Amino acid sequence: MRLKELRLKNNLTQEDIAKKINKSAVAYGYYESGRNEPDLKTLLTLADFYHVTIDYLVEHEVPYLIDKSAWPESKRELLNMIAELDDFESEKIKGIIVGYTQAQKEKPKIIN
């Protein structure tokens, strides 16, 4: 499981996470060490907290999924907004993004 990796990446203590999931620090420590496994409800809470899938959390690799845990909050928010659009709106936004990225590529490069 990636619990320790995610906790350290977010500069949190075992006590911080234990409080978040309503478990004791000892119980949470057992999850990190592999001595015990969290139940489904706890896995869901942890996955939501870290903005990852349960598959990612338990190291079950699915090749078509993207790990968004390292993305800045602004990109995750943008993705969530796009997910709420209908097909027509999605195509309009896609056109805007394609136009923007194309313009960025065509900008004259400044040479020092």
C-alpha atoms as a PDB file:
ATOM      1  CA  MET A   1       0.000   0.000   0.000  1.00  0.00           C
ATOM      2  CA  ARG A   2       1.091   3.546  -0.670  1.00  0.00           C
ATOM      3  CA  LEU A   3      -0.114   4.973   2.630  1.00  0.00           C
ATOM      4  CA  LYS A   4       3.289   5.907   4.016  1.00  0.00           C
ATOM      5  CA  GLU A   5       4.467   7.342   0.675  1.00  0.00           C
ATOM      6  CA  LEU A   6       1.392   9.571   0.376  1.00  0.00           C
ATOM      7  CA  ARG A   7       1.528  10.622   4.019  1.00  0.00           C
ATOM      8  CA  LEU A   8       5.180  11.649   3.771  1.00  0.00           C
ATOM      9  CA  LYS A   9       4.627  13.406   0.440  1.00  0.00           C
ATOM     10  CA  ASN A  10       1.988  15.525   2.181  1.00  0.00           C
ATOM     11  CA  ASN A  11       4.138  16.188   5.274  1.00  0.00           C
ATOM     12  CA  LEU A  12       1.662  14.548   7.632  1.00  0.00           C
ATOM     13  CA  THR A  13       2.125  12.389  10.705  1.00  0.00           C
ATOM     14  CA  GLN A  14       0.427   9.080  11.407  1.00  0.00           C
ATOM     15  CA  GLU A  15      -1.537  10.902  14.107  1.00  0.00           C
ATOM     16  CA  ASP A  16      -2.793  13.460  11.554  1.00  0.00           C
ATOM     17  CA  ILE A  17      -4.161  10.735   9.296  1.00  0.00           C
ATOM     18  CA  ALA A  18      -5.512   8.662  12.182  1.00  0.00           C
ATOM     19  CA  LYS A  19      -7.615  11.626  13.343  1.00  0.00           C
ATOM     20  CA  LYS A  20      -8.901  12.183   9.798  1.00  0.00           C
ATOM     21  CA  ILE A  21     -10.131   8.584   9.510  1.00  0.00           C
ATOM     22  CA  ASN A  22     -11.297   8.205  13.133  1.00  0.00           C
ATOM     23  CA  LYS A  23      -8.755   5.525  14.010  1.00  0.00           C
ATOM     24  CA  SER A  24      -6.028   5.359  16.614  1.00  0.00           C
ATOM     25  CA  ALA A  25      -2.480   6.180  15.584  1.00  0.00           C
ATOM     26  CA  VAL A  26      -1.544   2.581  16.417  1.00  0.00           C
ATOM     27  CA  ALA A  27      -4.282   1.200  14.141  1.00  0.00           C
ATOM     28  CA  TYR A  28      -3.183   3.499  11.341  1.00  0.00           C
ATOM     29  CA  GLY A  29       0.451   2.504  11.886  1.00  0.00           C
ATOM     30  CA  TYR A  30      -0.599  -1.130  11.437  1.00  0.00           C
ATOM     31  CA  TYR A  31      -2.101  -0.201   8.056  1.00  0.00           C
ATOM     32  CA  GLU A  32       1.161   1.391   6.940  1.00  0.00           C
ATOM     33  CA  SER A  33       3.248  -1.548   8.127  1.00  0.00           C
ATOM     34  CA  GLY A  34       0.957  -4.119   6.519  1.00  0.00           C
ATOM     35  CA  ARG A  35       0.126  -5.739   9.849  1.00  0.00           C
ATOM     36  CA  ASN A  36      -3.573  -4.986   9.311  1.00  0.00           C
ATOM     37  CA  GLU A  37      -5.580  -3.907   6.269  1.00  0.00           C
ATOM     38  CA  PRO A  38      -8.122  -1.085   6.286  1.00  0.00           C
ATOM     39  CA  ASP A  39     -11.757  -1.877   5.564  1.00  0.00           C
ATOM     40  CA  LEU A  40     -13.459  -0.548   2.434  1.00  0.00           C
ATOM     41  CA  LYS A  41     -14.924   2.515   4.179  1.00  0.00           C
ATOM     42  CA  THR A  42     -11.475   3.477   5.473  1.00  0.00           C
ATOM     43  CA  LEU A  43      -9.918   2.913   2.036  1.00  0.00           C
ATOM     44  CA  LEU A  44     -12.536   5.198   0.489  1.00  0.00           C
ATOM     45  CA  THR A  45     -11.849   7.881   3.094  1.00  0.00           C
ATOM     46  CA  LEU A  46      -8.099   7.663   2.507  1.00  0.00           C
ATOM     47  CA  ALA A  47      -8.470   7.700  -1.285  1.00  0.00           C
ATOM     48  CA  ASP A  48     -10.733  10.760  -1.114  1.00  0.00           C
ATOM     49  CA  PHE A  49      -8.350  12.502   1.270  1.00  0.00           C
ATOM     50  CA  TYR A  50      -5.366  12.007  -1.045  1.00  0.00           C
ATOM     51  CA  HIS A  51      -7.363  12.513  -4.279  1.00  0.00           C
ATOM     52  CA  VAL A  52      -6.389   9.103  -5.623  1.00  0.00           C
ATOM     53  CA  THR A  53      -8.231   5.919  -6.544  1.00  0.00           C
ATOM     54  CA  ILE A  54      -8.383   2.918  -4.255  1.00  0.00           C
ATOM     55  CA  ASP A  55      -6.524   1.029  -6.996  1.00  0.00           C
ATOM     56  CA  TYR A  56      -3.661   3.494  -6.738  1.00  0.00           C
ATOM     57  CA  LEU A  57      -3.730   3.383  -2.940  1.00  0.00           C
ATOM     58  CA  VAL A  58      -3.414  -0.422  -2.840  1.00  0.00           C
ATOM     59  CA  GLU A  59      -0.946  -0.444  -5.770  1.00  0.00           C
ATOM     60  CA  HIS A  60      -3.304  -2.153  -8.202  1.00  0.00           C
ATOM     61  CA  GLU A  61      -2.096  -0.681 -11.463  1.00  0.00           C
ATOM     62  CA  VAL A  62      -4.646   0.040 -14.156  1.00  0.00           C
ATOM     63  CA  PRO A  63      -2.836   1.268 -17.288  1.00  0.00           C
ATOM     64  CA  TYR A  64      -5.537   3.652 -18.524  1.00  0.00           C
ATOM     65  CA  LEU A  65      -5.853   5.632 -15.283  1.00  0.00           C
ATOM     66  CA  ILE A  66      -3.789   8.729 -14.579  1.00  0.00           C
ATOM     67  CA  ASP A  67      -2.365   9.444 -11.129  1.00  0.00           C
ATOM     68  CA  LYS A  68      -3.690  12.896 -10.296  1.00  0.00           C
ATOM     69  CA  SER A  69      -2.421  12.961  -6.712  1.00  0.00           C
ATOM     70  CA  ALA A  70       0.630  15.030  -7.677  1.00  0.00           C
ATOM     71  CA  TRP A  71      -1.393  17.489  -9.769  1.00  0.00           C
ATOM     72  CA  PRO A  72      -1.913  20.985  -8.378  1.00  0.00           C
ATOM     73  CA  GLU A  73      -5.378  21.648  -6.988  1.00  0.00           C
ATOM     74  CA  SER A  74      -6.179  24.010  -9.896  1.00  0.00           C
ATOM     75  CA  LYS A  75      -5.730  21.193 -12.451  1.00  0.00           C
ATOM     76  CA  ARG A  76      -7.894  18.789 -10.419  1.00  0.00           C
ATOM     77  CA  GLU A  77     -10.590  21.473 -10.152  1.00  0.00           C
ATOM     78  CA  LEU A  78     -10.443  22.060 -13.908  1.00  0.00           C
ATOM     79  CA  LEU A  79     -10.797  18.348 -14.588  1.00  0.00           C
ATOM     80  CA  ASN A  80     -13.818  18.163 -12.266  1.00  0.00           C
ATOM     81  CA  MET A  81     -15.435  21.129 -14.043  1.00  0.00           C
ATOM     82  CA  ILE A  82     -14.873  19.533 -17.447  1.00  0.00           C
ATOM     83  CA  ALA A  83     -16.400  16.273 -16.226  1.00  0.00           C
ATOM     84  CA  GLU A  84     -19.667  18.136 -15.503  1.00  0.00           C
ATOM     85  CA  LEU A  85     -20.008  19.532 -19.044  1.00  0.00           C
ATOM     86  CA  ASP A  86     -22.236  18.003 -21.698  1.00  0.00           C
ATOM     87  CA  ASP A  87     -20.748  16.895 -25.040  1.00  0.00           C
ATOM     88  CA  PHE A  88     -21.413  20.209 -26.799  1.00  0.00           C
ATOM     89  CA  GLU A  89     -19.836  22.244 -24.001  1.00  0.00           C
ATOM     90  CA  SER A  90     -16.870  19.854 -23.849  1.00  0.00           C
ATOM     91  CA  GLU A  91     -16.193  20.349 -27.564  1.00  0.00           C
ATOM     92  CA  LYS A  92     -16.299  24.143 -27.142  1.00  0.00           C
ATOM     93  CA  ILE A  93     -13.817  24.014 -24.262  1.00  0.00           C
ATOM     94  CA  LYS A  94     -11.624  21.593 -26.194  1.00  0.00           C
ATOM     95  CA  GLY A  95     -11.506  24.091 -29.076  1.00  0.00           C
ATOM     96  CA  ILE A  96     -10.460  26.857 -26.703  1.00  0.00           C
ATOM     97  CA  ILE A  97      -7.706  24.711 -25.181  1.00  0.00           C
ATOM     98  CA  VAL A  98      -6.443  23.556 -28.599  1.00  0.00           C
ATOM     99  CA  GLY A  99      -6.366  27.162 -29.815  1.00  0.00           C
ATOM    100  CA  TYR A 100      -4.531  28.313 -26.709  1.00  0.00           C
ATOM    101  CA  THR A 101      -1.906  25.570 -26.830  1.00  0.00           C
ATOM    102  CA  GLN A 102      -1.365  26.135 -30.561  1.00  0.00           C
ATOM    103  CA  ALA A 103      -0.854  29.859 -29.945  1.00  0.00           C
ATOM    104  CA  GLN A 104       1.643  29.081 -27.176  1.00  0.00           C
ATOM    105  CA  LYS A 105       3.633  26.868 -29.544  1.00  0.00           C
ATOM    106  CA  GLU A 106       3.689  29.542 -32.251  1.00  0.00           C
ATOM    107  CA  LYS A 107       4.867  32.363 -29.961  1.00  0.00           C
ATOM    108  CA  PRO A 108       8.224  33.725 -31.039  1.00  0.00           C
ATOM    109  CA  LYS A 109      10.955  32.380 -28.812  1.00  0.00           C
ATOM    110  CA  ILE A 110      12.914  35.045 -26.931  1.00  0.00           C
ATOM    111  CA  ILE A 111      16.635  34.420 -27.076  1.00  0.00           C
ATOM    112  CA  ASN A 112      18.863  35.985 -24.431  1.00  0.00           C
END
